[in-house]
C-alpha atoms as a PDB file:
ATOM      1  CA  MET A   1     -45.157 -37.443  22.585  1.00  0.00           C
ATOM      2  CA  SER A   2     -47.847 -34.671  23.520  1.00  0.00           C
ATOM      3  CA  ASN A   3     -46.391 -34.735  26.956  1.00  0.00           C
ATOM      4  CA  ILE A   4     -42.879 -33.716  26.381  1.00  0.00           C
ATOM      5  CA  VAL A   5     -44.014 -31.281  23.674  1.00  0.00           C
ATOM      6  CA  ASP A   6     -46.197 -29.598  26.520  1.00  0.00           C
ATOM      7  CA  ASP A   7     -43.247 -29.748  28.647  1.00  0.00           C
ATOM      8  CA  TYR A   8     -40.739 -28.412  26.139  1.00  0.00           C
ATOM      9  CA  LEU A   9     -43.089 -25.604  25.280  1.00  0.00           C
ATOM     10  CA  THR A  10     -43.850 -24.633  28.776  1.00  0.00           C
ATOM     11  CA  ALA A  11     -40.182 -24.450  29.707  1.00  0.00           C
ATOM     12  CA  PRO A  12     -37.679 -24.830  26.927  1.00  0.00           C
ATOM     13  CA  PRO A  13     -34.600 -25.618  27.816  1.00  0.00           C
ATOM     14  CA  ILE A  14     -31.791 -23.014  27.851  1.00  0.00           C
ATOM     15  CA  GLU A  15     -27.984 -23.156  27.728  1.00  0.00           C
ATOM     16  CA  LYS A  16     -25.621 -20.177  28.154  1.00  0.00           C
ATOM     17  CA  LEU A  17     -22.832 -18.849  25.442  1.00  0.00           C
ATOM     18  CA  LYS A  18     -19.212 -19.506  26.169  1.00  0.00           C
ATOM     19  CA  VAL A  19     -17.716 -16.416  28.226  1.00  0.00           C
ATOM     20  CA  LEU A  20     -20.851 -13.515  27.710  1.00  0.00           C
ATOM     21  CA  GLU A  21     -23.029 -16.284  29.640  1.00  0.00           C
ATOM     22  CA  ILE A  22     -26.026 -15.087  27.562  1.00  0.00           C
ATOM     23  CA  GLU A  23     -28.903 -17.677  27.932  1.00  0.00           C
ATOM     24  CA  ILE A  24     -30.136 -18.920  25.104  1.00  0.00           C
ATOM     25  CA  PRO A  25     -32.422 -21.689  23.772  1.00  0.00           C
ATOM     26  CA  CYS A  26     -30.607 -25.261  23.353  1.00  0.00           C
ATOM     27  CA  GLY A  27     -29.678 -25.952  20.313  1.00  0.00           C
ATOM     28  CA  THR A  28     -29.322 -29.853  18.943  1.00  0.00           C
ATOM     29  CA  GLU A  29     -26.368 -31.046  21.032  1.00  0.00           C
ATOM     30  CA  CYS A  30     -28.274 -29.552  24.211  1.00  0.00           C
ATOM     31  CA  ILE A  31     -31.203 -31.180  23.062  1.00  0.00           C
ATOM     32  CA  LYS A  32     -29.708 -34.701  22.207  1.00  0.00           C
ATOM     33  CA  TYR A  33     -28.521 -35.154  25.957  1.00  0.00           C
ATOM     34  CA  SER A  34     -31.879 -33.683  27.721  1.00  0.00           C
ATOM     35  CA  HIS A  35     -34.888 -35.496  28.281  1.00  0.00           C
ATOM     36  CA  PHE A  36     -36.359 -33.681  25.110  1.00  0.00           C
ATOM     37  CA  LYS A  37     -34.282 -36.065  22.658  1.00  0.00           C
ATOM     38  CA  ASP A  38     -37.167 -37.850  21.361  1.00  0.00           C
ATOM     39  CA  LEU A  39     -38.363 -34.433  20.079  1.00  0.00           C
ATOM     40  CA  LEU A  40     -35.316 -34.627  17.331  1.00  0.00           C
ATOM     41  CA  ASN A  41     -37.704 -37.350  16.029  1.00  0.00           C
ATOM     42  CA  VAL A  42     -39.811 -34.353  14.666  1.00  0.00           C
ATOM     43  CA  GLU A  43     -38.309 -33.378  11.453  1.00  0.00           C
ATOM     44  CA  THR A  44     -39.843 -29.968  11.468  1.00  0.00           C
ATOM     45  CA  PHE A  45     -38.378 -29.398  15.204  1.00  0.00           C
ATOM     46  CA  ARG A  46     -34.875 -30.506  14.093  1.00  0.00           C
ATOM     47  CA  GLN A  47     -35.110 -28.242  11.024  1.00  0.00           C
ATOM     48  CA  GLN A  48     -36.166 -25.266  13.726  1.00  0.00           C
ATOM     49  CA  LEU A  49     -32.964 -26.009  15.797  1.00  0.00           C
ATOM     50  CA  GLU A  50     -30.800 -26.033  12.996  1.00  0.00           C
ATOM     51  CA  VAL A  51     -31.517 -22.259  12.792  1.00  0.00           C
ATOM     52  CA  ILE A  52     -30.534 -22.271  16.144  1.00  0.00           C
ATOM     53  CA  ASP A  53     -27.268 -23.912  15.895  1.00  0.00           C
ATOM     54  CA  SER A  54     -26.378 -21.665  13.054  1.00  0.00           C
ATOM     55  CA  LEU A  55     -26.944 -18.806  15.300  1.00  0.00           C
ATOM     56  CA  LYS A  56     -24.930 -19.883  18.358  1.00  0.00           C
ATOM     57  CA  SER A  57     -22.050 -20.822  15.753  1.00  0.00           C
ATOM     58  CA  LEU A  58     -22.322 -17.008  14.389  1.00  0.00           C
ATOM     59  CA  ILE A  59     -22.445 -15.319  17.642  1.00  0.00           C
ATOM     60  CA  GLU A  60     -19.639 -17.559  19.179  1.00  0.00           C
ATOM     61  CA  ASP A  61     -17.396 -16.129  16.418  1.00  0.00           C
ATOM     62  CA  LYS A  62     -18.681 -12.618  16.989  1.00  0.00           C
ATOM     63  CA  ILE A  63     -17.452 -13.406  20.723  1.00  0.00           C
ATOM     64  CA  ASP A  64     -14.301 -14.505  19.664  1.00  0.00           C
ATOM     65  CA  VAL A  65     -13.700 -11.375  18.047  1.00  0.00           C
ATOM     66  CA  LEU A  66     -14.592  -9.339  20.554  1.00  0.00           C
ATOM     67  CA  ILE A  67     -12.104 -11.275  22.912  1.00  0.00           C
ATOM     68  CA  ARG A  68      -9.248 -10.666  20.285  1.00  0.00           C
ATOM     69  CA  GLU A  69     -10.465  -7.344  19.846  1.00  0.00           C
ATOM     70  CA  LEU A  70     -10.303  -6.266  23.370  1.00  0.00           C
ATOM     71  CA  GLU A  71      -7.112  -8.325  23.897  1.00  0.00           C
ATOM     72  CA  SER A  72      -5.278  -6.634  21.137  1.00  0.00           C
ATOM     73  CA  ARG A  73      -5.978  -3.188  22.547  1.00  0.00           C
ATOM     74  CA  MET A  74      -4.412  -4.100  26.796  1.00  0.00           C
ATOM     75  CA  PRO A  75      -1.612  -2.649  27.284  1.00  0.00           C
ATOM     76  CA  ILE A  76      -1.099  -5.079  30.161  1.00  0.00           C
ATOM     77  CA  LYS A  77      -1.990  -8.553  30.716  1.00  0.00           C
ATOM     78  CA  VAL A  78      -5.856  -8.722  31.571  1.00  0.00           C
ATOM     79  CA  ASN A  79      -8.145 -11.878  32.487  1.00  0.00           C
ATOM     80  CA  THR A  80      -9.223 -11.740  28.954  1.00  0.00           C
ATOM     81  CA  TYR A  81     -12.612 -13.488  29.460  1.00  0.00           C
ATOM     82  CA  GLU A  82     -13.866 -11.502  32.535  1.00  0.00           C
ATOM     83  CA  LEU A  83     -12.856  -8.794  30.274  1.00  0.00           C
ATOM     84  CA  ALA A  84     -15.069  -9.559  27.576  1.00  0.00           C
ATOM     85  CA  TYR A  85     -17.600 -10.834  29.911  1.00  0.00           C
ATOM     86  CA  SER A  86     -17.624  -7.158  31.792  1.00  0.00           C
ATOM     87  CA  PHE A  87     -17.150  -5.268  28.388  1.00  0.00           C
ATOM     88  CA  TYR A  88     -20.312  -6.729  27.058  1.00  0.00           C
ATOM     89  CA  ARG A  89     -22.377  -6.356  30.054  1.00  0.00           C
ATOM     90  CA  ILE A  90     -21.573  -2.565  30.556  1.00  0.00           C
ATOM     91  CA  VAL A  91     -22.440  -1.574  27.145  1.00  0.00           C
ATOM     92  CA  GLU A  92     -25.549  -3.573  26.589  1.00  0.00           C
ATOM     93  CA  ILE A  93     -26.735  -3.443  30.458  1.00  0.00           C
ATOM     94  CA  GLY A  94     -24.924  -0.385  32.335  1.00  0.00           C
ATOM     95  CA  GLY A  95     -22.806  -0.494  35.115  1.00  0.00           C
ATOM     96  CA  ASP A  96     -19.452  -0.217  35.739  1.00  0.00           C
ATOM     97  CA  TYR A  97     -16.142  -1.373  37.264  1.00  0.00           C
ATOM     98  CA  THR A  98     -15.297  -1.246  40.802  1.00  0.00           C
ATOM     99  CA  ILE A  99     -11.716  -0.367  41.281  1.00  0.00           C
ATOM    100  CA  GLY A 100     -10.198  -1.399  44.484  1.00  0.00           C
ATOM    101  CA  SER A 101      -6.397  -0.809  45.816  1.00  0.00           C
ATOM    102  CA  ASP A 102      -5.139  -3.884  43.904  1.00  0.00           C
ATOM    103  CA  THR A 103      -8.171  -5.164  41.463  1.00  0.00           C
ATOM    104  CA  LEU A 104     -10.500  -4.234  38.921  1.00  0.00           C
ATOM    105  CA  ARG A 105     -13.583  -6.005  39.298  1.00  0.00           C
ATOM    106  CA  TYR A 106     -17.012  -5.901  37.305  1.00  0.00           C
ATOM    107  CA  GLU A 107     -19.524  -8.039  39.466  1.00  0.00           C
ATOM    108  CA  ASP A 108     -17.548 -11.094  40.920  1.00  0.00           C
ATOM    109  CA  LYS A 109     -15.198 -10.849  37.813  1.00  0.00           C
ATOM    110  CA  VAL A 110     -11.629  -9.956  38.617  1.00  0.00           C
ATOM    111  CA  VAL A 111     -10.771  -8.132  35.498  1.00  0.00           C
ATOM    112  CA  PHE A 112      -7.341  -7.186  36.295  1.00  0.00           C
ATOM    113  CA  LYS A 113      -5.338  -7.754  39.592  1.00  0.00           C
ATOM    114  CA  GLY A 114      -1.815  -6.016  39.965  1.00  0.00           C
ATOM    115  CA  ARG A 115      -0.394  -2.747  41.087  1.00  0.00           C
ATOM    116  CA  PHE A 116      -2.934   0.634  41.354  1.00  0.00           C
ATOM    117  CA  GLU A 117      -0.790   2.390  38.357  1.00  0.00           C
ATOM    118  CA  GLU A 118      -1.294  -0.612  36.213  1.00  0.00           C
ATOM    119  CA  LEU A 119      -4.924  -0.930  37.343  1.00  0.00           C
ATOM    120  CA  MET A 120      -5.442   2.616  36.384  1.00  0.00           C
ATOM    121  CA  THR A 121      -3.637   2.263  33.020  1.00  0.00           C
ATOM    122  CA  VAL A 122      -6.411  -0.905  31.984  1.00  0.00           C
ATOM    123  CA  TYR A 123      -9.081   1.416  33.408  1.00  0.00           C
ATOM    124  CA  LYS A 124      -8.580   4.276  31.242  1.00  0.00           C
ATOM    125  CA  THR A 125      -7.706   1.943  28.414  1.00  0.00           C
ATOM    126  CA  ILE A 126     -11.295   0.022  28.683  1.00  0.00           C
ATOM    127  CA  GLU A 127     -12.977   3.441  29.069  1.00  0.00           C
ATOM    128  CA  GLU A 128     -11.243   4.830  25.316  1.00  0.00           C
ATOM    129  CA  ILE A 129     -12.157   1.543  24.219  1.00  0.00           C
ATOM    130  CA  LYS A 130     -16.232   2.015  25.152  1.00  0.00           C
ATOM    131  CA  LYS A 131     -15.933   4.801  22.674  1.00  0.00           C
ATOM    132  CA  GLU A 132     -14.787   2.737  19.666  1.00  0.00           C
ATOM    133  CA  GLU A 133     -18.177   2.148  17.341  1.00  0.00           C
ATOM    134  CA  GLN A 134     -17.010  -1.041  15.894  1.00  0.00           C
ATOM    135  CA  LEU A 135     -16.795  -2.973  19.474  1.00  0.00           C
ATOM    136  CA  VAL A 136     -20.122  -1.339  20.590  1.00  0.00           C
ATOM    137  CA  ASN A 137     -21.454  -2.215  17.649  1.00  0.00           C
ATOM    138  CA  LEU A 138     -20.419  -5.738  17.906  1.00  0.00           C
ATOM    139  CA  CYS A 139     -21.822  -6.232  21.374  1.00  0.00           C
ATOM    140  CA  HIS A 140     -24.899  -4.834  19.895  1.00  0.00           C
ATOM    141  CA  GLU A 141     -24.786  -7.611  17.056  1.00  0.00           C
ATOM    142  CA  ILE A 142     -24.090 -10.145  19.785  1.00  0.00           C
ATOM    143  CA  ARG A 143     -27.140  -9.300  21.559  1.00  0.00           C
ATOM    144  CA  TYR A 144     -29.223  -8.897  18.458  1.00  0.00           C
ATOM    145  CA  LEU A 145     -28.470 -12.301  17.164  1.00  0.00           C
ATOM    146  CA  SER A 146     -28.941 -13.641  21.010  1.00  0.00           C
ATOM    147  CA  GLU A 147     -32.540 -12.258  20.950  1.00  0.00           C
ATOM    148  CA  SER A 148     -33.272 -13.646  17.674  1.00  0.00           C
ATOM    149  CA  MET A 149     -32.993 -16.912  19.053  1.00  0.00           C
ATOM    150  CA  TRP A 150     -35.972 -16.629  21.154  1.00  0.00           C
ATOM    151  CA  VAL A 151     -37.935 -14.593  18.921  1.00  0.00           C
ATOM    152  CA  HIS A 152     -37.113 -17.743  16.267  1.00  0.00           C
ATOM    153  CA  LEU A 153     -37.971 -20.529  19.272  1.00  0.00           C
ATOM    154  CA  ASP A 154     -41.351 -18.364  20.004  1.00  0.00           C
ATOM    155  CA  LYS A 155     -42.384 -18.358  16.468  1.00  0.00           C
ATOM    156  CA  ASN A 156     -41.227 -21.273  14.291  1.00  0.00           C
ATOM    157  CA  ILE A 157     -39.982 -23.898  17.009  1.00  0.00           C
ATOM    158  CA  ARG A 158     -43.633 -23.537  18.847  1.00  0.00           C
ATOM    159  CA  ARG A 159     -45.235 -23.805  15.459  1.00  0.00           C
ATOM    160  CA  ALA A 160     -43.152 -26.899  14.770  1.00  0.00           C
ATOM    161  CA  LEU A 161     -44.126 -28.517  17.858  1.00  0.00           C
ATOM    162  CA  ASN A 162     -47.723 -27.301  17.806  1.00  0.00           C
ATOM    163  CA  GLU A 163     -48.192 -28.535  14.340  1.00  0.00           C
ATOM    164  CA  SER A 164     -46.312 -32.216  15.302  1.00  0.00           C
ATOM    165  CA  LYS A 165     -48.906 -32.470  18.315  1.00  0.00           C
ATOM    166  CA  GLY A 166     -51.570 -31.778  15.894  1.00  0.00           C
ATOM    167  CA  ARG A 167     -50.329 -35.050  13.676  1.00  0.00           C
ATOM    168  CA  SER A 168     -50.235 -37.145  16.467  1.00  0.00           C
END
């Protein structure tokens, strides 16, 4: 058991949140299907993973809200998931869209494909949305909660595993 604890502490497994592709520590389901599954027998570890599971669920709810809010503001149908991904990244990291003759892109994501006039309408709408405090704050909350998961892992999960290692 000591080796598996050391492996986990050295390189905790990660998963990505839907749509936004934010890396987070693995929760219970992810651990259950990994070579770390025996750690679930450590009660304090399992209890701490429940916090990760709860935070993940809360973040996923906020991602759903972000998607709905962005979609409701678009005058033209866009690739909603790519829009949410790009909007979040631009708010939290920076960058901008690439405007082509018929596509609006962010990194490798195509947010919109269509006539140039429609593309510019979508782009201008996004620029207006970026000024909406409610949606910007929602992105900040998602980032804060995902960062909290790593803090929880570093403080509480590491402690729980180190204590269990000391007892074995």
